[in-house]
Amino acid sequence: MVRISNGLARQRKHKRFIKAAKWFRLGRKNVYSQVRRALVKQWQNAYIGRKEKKRNFRRLWIERISAAVRAKGSKYSVFIGQMNAADVQLDRKVLSNIAIVFPEVFDKIYDEVVS
């Protein structure tokens, strides 16, 4: 008689991985070794994507603030330097949202920082 080692646990593990690869194509969705490789690659790309997302949003916020500041006739770098000198504790995300949603509030912040 053949000895079965780790039978049900292995089946459950394989089933869990194959279920996670439900939308993959060809053997990548039902051949365990290919599923495993595909999922590892997917997880790596997801990790990288989460880091890139942060970079992309910061770049977007900077572009929005820069556009709002250029409308006032100044430069982004000068504005941020003056904000640091004036000790204004607003991050780029908040400043970007204020510049879009409440332009008059951004105008007041700009006037406070520049003067």
N, C-alpha and C. Protein backbone atom coordinates (compact mmCIF):
# COMPACT_ATOMS: atom_id res chain seq x y z
N MET A 1 0.83 -1.18 0.00
CA MET A 1 0.00 0.00 0.00
C MET A 1 0.88 1.25 0.00
N VAL A 2 0.47 2.25 -0.76
CA VAL A 2 1.24 3.46 -0.90
C VAL A 2 0.98 4.36 0.30
N ARG A 3 2.06 4.95 0.79
CA ARG A 3 1.95 5.85 1.93
C ARG A 3 1.64 7.25 1.41
N ILE A 4 0.60 7.87 1.95
CA ILE A 4 0.21 9.21 1.53
C ILE A 4 0.66 10.19 2.61
N SER A 5 1.51 11.11 2.22
CA SER A 5 2.02 12.08 3.17
C SER A 5 1.39 13.44 2.88
N ASN A 6 0.74 14.00 3.88
CA ASN A 6 0.24 15.36 3.77
C ASN A 6 -0.85 15.49 2.70
N GLY A 7 -1.66 14.48 2.53
CA GLY A 7 -2.61 14.41 1.42
C GLY A 7 -3.65 15.51 1.42
N LEU A 8 -4.50 15.56 2.42
CA LEU A 8 -5.58 16.54 2.43
C LEU A 8 -5.07 17.98 2.56
N ALA A 9 -4.05 18.17 3.36
CA ALA A 9 -3.51 19.51 3.54
C ALA A 9 -2.96 20.03 2.21
N ARG A 10 -2.26 19.16 1.48
CA ARG A 10 -1.70 19.58 0.19
C ARG A 10 -2.81 19.88 -0.81
N GLN A 11 -3.84 19.05 -0.80
CA GLN A 11 -4.96 19.28 -1.71
C GLN A 11 -5.62 20.64 -1.43
N ARG A 12 -5.81 20.92 -0.15
CA ARG A 12 -6.42 22.20 0.22
C ARG A 12 -5.55 23.38 -0.20
N LYS A 13 -4.24 23.22 -0.01
CA LYS A 13 -3.32 24.28 -0.38
C LYS A 13 -3.36 24.51 -1.89
N HIS A 14 -3.31 23.42 -2.66
CA HIS A 14 -3.36 23.56 -4.12
C HIS A 14 -4.68 24.18 -4.56
N LYS A 15 -5.75 23.75 -3.93
CA LYS A 15 -7.08 24.26 -4.28
C LYS A 15 -7.16 25.76 -4.01
N ARG A 16 -6.58 26.20 -2.89
CA ARG A 16 -6.59 27.61 -2.54
C ARG A 16 -5.82 28.44 -3.57
N PHE A 17 -4.67 27.93 -4.01
CA PHE A 17 -3.88 28.65 -5.00
C PHE A 17 -4.59 28.68 -6.35
N ILE A 18 -5.17 27.54 -6.74
CA ILE A 18 -5.86 27.48 -8.04
C ILE A 18 -7.09 28.39 -8.03
N LYS A 19 -7.75 28.48 -6.89
CA LYS A 19 -8.89 29.39 -6.78
C LYS A 19 -8.43 30.84 -6.94
N ALA A 20 -7.25 31.17 -6.43
CA ALA A 20 -6.73 32.54 -6.55
C ALA A 20 -6.36 32.88 -7.99
N ALA A 21 -6.11 31.86 -8.80
CA ALA A 21 -5.72 32.08 -10.20
C ALA A 21 -6.90 31.88 -11.14
N LYS A 22 -8.08 32.13 -10.66
CA LYS A 22 -9.31 31.83 -11.39
C LYS A 22 -9.37 32.51 -12.75
N TRP A 23 -8.90 33.74 -12.87
CA TRP A 23 -9.07 34.50 -14.11
C TRP A 23 -7.86 34.40 -15.02
N PHE A 24 -6.87 33.59 -14.67
CA PHE A 24 -5.71 33.43 -15.53
C PHE A 24 -6.09 32.57 -16.74
N ARG A 25 -5.21 32.55 -17.73
CA ARG A 25 -5.50 31.83 -18.97
C ARG A 25 -4.67 30.56 -19.08
N LEU A 26 -5.22 29.58 -19.83
CA LEU A 26 -4.55 28.33 -20.19
C LEU A 26 -4.08 27.59 -18.93
N GLY A 27 -2.86 27.04 -18.98
CA GLY A 27 -2.38 26.23 -17.86
C GLY A 27 -2.12 27.04 -16.61
N ARG A 28 -2.04 28.34 -16.76
CA ARG A 28 -1.76 29.18 -15.59
C ARG A 28 -2.93 29.22 -14.62
N LYS A 29 -4.08 28.66 -15.01
CA LYS A 29 -5.21 28.66 -14.10
C LYS A 29 -5.52 27.29 -13.50
N ASN A 30 -4.92 26.21 -14.04
CA ASN A 30 -5.28 24.90 -13.50
C ASN A 30 -4.10 23.94 -13.31
N VAL A 31 -2.90 24.29 -13.73
CA VAL A 31 -1.72 23.46 -13.48
C VAL A 31 -0.98 24.09 -12.31
N TYR A 32 -0.88 23.33 -11.21
CA TYR A 32 -0.44 23.93 -9.96
C TYR A 32 0.92 24.61 -10.08
N SER A 33 1.89 23.97 -10.73
CA SER A 33 3.22 24.57 -10.80
C SER A 33 3.18 25.89 -11.56
N GLN A 34 2.40 25.96 -12.62
CA GLN A 34 2.27 27.21 -13.37
C GLN A 34 1.47 28.24 -12.59
N VAL A 35 0.46 27.76 -11.88
CA VAL A 35 -0.35 28.66 -11.04
C VAL A 35 0.53 29.32 -9.99
N ARG A 36 1.35 28.50 -9.36
CA ARG A 36 2.22 29.02 -8.29
C ARG A 36 3.16 30.10 -8.83
N ARG A 37 3.80 29.82 -9.98
CA ARG A 37 4.70 30.80 -10.58
C ARG A 37 3.96 32.08 -10.96
N ALA A 38 2.77 31.91 -11.54
CA ALA A 38 2.00 33.07 -11.97
C ALA A 38 1.57 33.92 -10.78
N LEU A 39 1.18 33.28 -9.69
CA LEU A 39 0.75 34.03 -8.51
C LEU A 39 1.92 34.76 -7.86
N VAL A 40 3.08 34.11 -7.80
CA VAL A 40 4.25 34.78 -7.23
C VAL A 40 4.57 36.03 -8.04
N LYS A 41 4.52 35.90 -9.38
CA LYS A 41 4.78 37.05 -10.25
C LYS A 41 3.71 38.13 -10.03
N GLN A 42 2.47 37.71 -9.89
CA GLN A 42 1.39 38.66 -9.66
C GLN A 42 1.61 39.41 -8.34
N TRP A 43 1.99 38.70 -7.31
CA TRP A 43 2.22 39.34 -6.01
C TRP A 43 3.39 40.32 -6.08
N GLN A 44 4.43 39.97 -6.83
CA GLN A 44 5.56 40.88 -6.98
C GLN A 44 5.12 42.16 -7.68
N ASN A 45 4.36 42.01 -8.76
CA ASN A 45 3.90 43.18 -9.49
C ASN A 45 2.94 44.02 -8.66
N ALA A 46 2.12 43.37 -7.84
CA ALA A 46 1.19 44.11 -6.98
C ALA A 46 1.97 44.93 -5.95
N TYR A 47 3.03 44.34 -5.40
CA TYR A 47 3.87 45.05 -4.43
C TYR A 47 4.51 46.27 -5.08
N ILE A 48 5.07 46.07 -6.27
CA ILE A 48 5.70 47.17 -6.99
C ILE A 48 4.66 48.25 -7.32
N GLY A 49 3.47 47.81 -7.73
CA GLY A 49 2.41 48.75 -8.08
C GLY A 49 1.97 49.60 -6.91
N ARG A 50 1.93 49.01 -5.72
CA ARG A 50 1.54 49.80 -4.55
C ARG A 50 2.57 50.90 -4.27
N LYS A 51 3.84 50.62 -4.49
CA LYS A 51 4.88 51.63 -4.29
C LYS A 51 4.80 52.71 -5.37
N GLU A 52 4.56 52.29 -6.64
CA GLU A 52 4.46 53.25 -7.73
C GLU A 52 3.26 54.17 -7.56
N LYS A 53 2.19 53.63 -7.01
CA LYS A 53 0.98 54.42 -6.80
C LYS A 53 1.26 55.63 -5.91
N LYS A 54 2.05 55.43 -4.89
CA LYS A 54 2.39 56.53 -3.99
C LYS A 54 3.19 57.61 -4.73
N ARG A 55 4.15 57.15 -5.58
CA ARG A 55 4.96 58.10 -6.35
C ARG A 55 4.09 58.89 -7.32
N ASN A 56 3.19 58.16 -7.99
CA ASN A 56 2.35 58.81 -9.00
C ASN A 56 1.42 59.85 -8.38
N PHE A 57 0.86 59.54 -7.22
CA PHE A 57 -0.03 60.50 -6.57
C PHE A 57 0.74 61.73 -6.10
N ARG A 58 1.93 61.52 -5.56
CA ARG A 58 2.73 62.68 -5.13
C ARG A 58 3.05 63.57 -6.34
N ARG A 59 3.40 62.95 -7.47
CA ARG A 59 3.68 63.71 -8.69
C ARG A 59 2.45 64.50 -9.13
N LEU A 60 1.26 63.87 -9.03
CA LEU A 60 0.02 64.55 -9.41
C LEU A 60 -0.25 65.75 -8.50
N TRP A 61 -0.06 65.57 -7.19
CA TRP A 61 -0.29 66.67 -6.26
C TRP A 61 0.64 67.83 -6.57
N ILE A 62 1.90 67.52 -6.86
CA ILE A 62 2.87 68.57 -7.15
C ILE A 62 2.47 69.32 -8.43
N GLU A 63 2.02 68.60 -9.44
CA GLU A 63 1.59 69.25 -10.68
C GLU A 63 0.41 70.17 -10.44
N ARG A 64 -0.54 69.74 -9.62
CA ARG A 64 -1.71 70.57 -9.33
C ARG A 64 -1.33 71.83 -8.57
N ILE A 65 -0.48 71.68 -7.56
CA ILE A 65 -0.04 72.85 -6.80
C ILE A 65 0.75 73.78 -7.70
N SER A 66 1.60 73.22 -8.53
CA SER A 66 2.40 74.03 -9.44
C SER A 66 1.52 74.84 -10.38
N ALA A 67 0.46 74.21 -10.90
CA ALA A 67 -0.46 74.92 -11.79
C ALA A 67 -1.15 76.07 -11.06
N ALA A 68 -1.56 75.82 -9.82
CA ALA A 68 -2.23 76.87 -9.05
C ALA A 68 -1.28 78.02 -8.72
N VAL A 69 -0.03 77.68 -8.42
CA VAL A 69 0.95 78.71 -8.07
C VAL A 69 1.37 79.49 -9.31
N ARG A 70 1.51 78.82 -10.44
CA ARG A 70 1.87 79.51 -11.69
C ARG A 70 0.79 80.50 -12.11
N ALA A 71 -0.47 80.18 -11.79
CA ALA A 71 -1.56 81.12 -12.08
C ALA A 71 -1.39 82.42 -11.29
N LYS A 72 -0.70 82.31 -10.16
CA LYS A 72 -0.42 83.48 -9.33
C LYS A 72 0.84 84.21 -9.78
N GLY A 73 1.61 83.60 -10.69
CA GLY A 73 2.82 84.24 -11.19
C GLY A 73 4.07 83.87 -10.44
N SER A 74 4.08 82.73 -9.79
CA SER A 74 5.25 82.29 -9.04
C SER A 74 5.64 80.89 -9.50
N LYS A 75 6.62 80.31 -8.81
CA LYS A 75 7.06 78.95 -9.12
C LYS A 75 6.79 78.05 -7.94
N TYR A 76 6.64 76.77 -8.24
CA TYR A 76 6.34 75.77 -7.21
C TYR A 76 7.45 75.73 -6.16
N SER A 77 8.69 75.65 -6.61
CA SER A 77 9.80 75.49 -5.68
C SER A 77 9.93 76.69 -4.75
N VAL A 78 9.70 77.87 -5.30
CA VAL A 78 9.75 79.09 -4.48
C VAL A 78 8.62 79.07 -3.45
N PHE A 79 7.44 78.67 -3.88
CA PHE A 79 6.28 78.61 -2.98
C PHE A 79 6.52 77.63 -1.83
N ILE A 80 7.03 76.44 -2.17
CA ILE A 80 7.27 75.43 -1.12
C ILE A 80 8.36 75.92 -0.16
N GLY A 81 9.38 76.58 -0.69
CA GLY A 81 10.42 77.14 0.17
C GLY A 81 9.86 78.19 1.12
N GLN A 82 8.98 79.02 0.61
CA GLN A 82 8.35 80.05 1.46
C GLN A 82 7.41 79.42 2.48
N MET A 83 6.76 78.33 2.09
CA MET A 83 5.90 77.63 3.06
C MET A 83 6.72 77.07 4.22
N ASN A 84 7.86 76.49 3.89
CA ASN A 84 8.72 75.95 4.94
C ASN A 84 9.26 77.07 5.83
N ALA A 85 9.60 78.19 5.22
CA ALA A 85 10.10 79.32 6.01
C ALA A 85 9.01 79.89 6.90
N ALA A 86 7.76 79.89 6.41
CA ALA A 86 6.64 80.41 7.20
C ALA A 86 6.11 79.37 8.19
N ASP A 87 6.68 78.17 8.13
CA ASP A 87 6.30 77.07 9.02
C ASP A 87 4.82 76.70 8.89
N VAL A 88 4.36 76.61 7.64
CA VAL A 88 2.99 76.16 7.36
C VAL A 88 3.03 74.64 7.24
N GLN A 89 2.23 73.96 8.05
CA GLN A 89 2.27 72.51 8.14
C GLN A 89 1.17 71.84 7.31
N LEU A 90 1.13 72.13 6.01
CA LEU A 90 0.18 71.49 5.10
C LEU A 90 0.97 70.64 4.12
N ASP A 91 0.56 69.38 3.98
CA ASP A 91 1.27 68.53 3.02
C ASP A 91 0.73 68.75 1.62
N ARG A 92 1.38 68.11 0.66
CA ARG A 92 1.05 68.34 -0.74
C ARG A 92 -0.33 67.83 -1.12
N LYS A 93 -0.75 66.75 -0.49
CA LYS A 93 -2.08 66.20 -0.78
C LYS A 93 -3.17 67.20 -0.38
N VAL A 94 -3.06 67.74 0.80
CA VAL A 94 -4.05 68.70 1.29
C VAL A 94 -4.02 69.98 0.46
N LEU A 95 -2.82 70.47 0.18
CA LEU A 95 -2.70 71.68 -0.64
C LEU A 95 -3.31 71.48 -2.02
N SER A 96 -3.09 70.32 -2.60
CA SER A 96 -3.65 70.03 -3.92
C SER A 96 -5.17 70.04 -3.88
N ASN A 97 -5.75 69.40 -2.88
CA ASN A 97 -7.21 69.38 -2.76
C ASN A 97 -7.78 70.77 -2.51
N ILE A 98 -7.10 71.54 -1.69
CA ILE A 98 -7.56 72.90 -1.44
C ILE A 98 -7.51 73.73 -2.72
N ALA A 99 -6.44 73.58 -3.48
CA ALA A 99 -6.28 74.35 -4.72
C ALA A 99 -7.38 74.03 -5.72
N ILE A 100 -7.86 72.78 -5.72
CA ILE A 100 -8.90 72.39 -6.68
C ILE A 100 -10.29 72.74 -6.17
N VAL A 101 -10.59 72.35 -4.94
CA VAL A 101 -11.95 72.47 -4.42
C VAL A 101 -12.25 73.87 -3.90
N PHE A 102 -11.29 74.46 -3.20
CA PHE A 102 -11.49 75.79 -2.60
C PHE A 102 -10.40 76.75 -3.07
N PRO A 103 -10.49 77.26 -4.30
CA PRO A 103 -9.43 78.13 -4.80
C PRO A 103 -9.27 79.43 -3.99
N GLU A 104 -10.37 79.93 -3.43
CA GLU A 104 -10.25 81.17 -2.65
C GLU A 104 -9.48 80.93 -1.36
N VAL A 105 -9.62 79.76 -0.77
CA VAL A 105 -8.84 79.42 0.43
C VAL A 105 -7.37 79.28 0.06
N PHE A 106 -7.11 78.66 -1.09
CA PHE A 106 -5.72 78.54 -1.55
C PHE A 106 -5.11 79.93 -1.79
N ASP A 107 -5.92 80.85 -2.32
CA ASP A 107 -5.44 82.21 -2.53
C ASP A 107 -5.02 82.85 -1.19
N LYS A 108 -5.81 82.64 -0.16
CA LYS A 108 -5.48 83.19 1.15
C LYS A 108 -4.20 82.56 1.71
N ILE A 109 -4.08 81.24 1.54
CA ILE A 109 -2.85 80.56 1.99
C ILE A 109 -1.65 81.12 1.24
N TYR A 110 -1.81 81.28 -0.07
CA TYR A 110 -0.72 81.80 -0.90
C TYR A 110 -0.32 83.21 -0.44
N ASP A 111 -1.30 84.05 -0.22
CA ASP A 111 -1.01 85.42 0.21
C ASP A 111 -0.34 85.43 1.58
N GLU A 112 -0.78 84.54 2.46
CA GLU A 112 -0.18 84.46 3.80
C GLU A 112 1.28 84.01 3.73
N VAL A 113 1.55 83.06 2.87
CA VAL A 113 2.89 82.50 2.76
C VAL A 113 3.83 83.48 2.07
N VAL A 114 3.38 84.10 0.99
CA VAL A 114 4.24 84.97 0.20
C VAL A 114 4.55 86.27 0.93
N SER A 115 3.58 86.80 1.64
CA SER A 115 3.81 88.08 2.32
C SER A 115 4.55 87.95 3.63
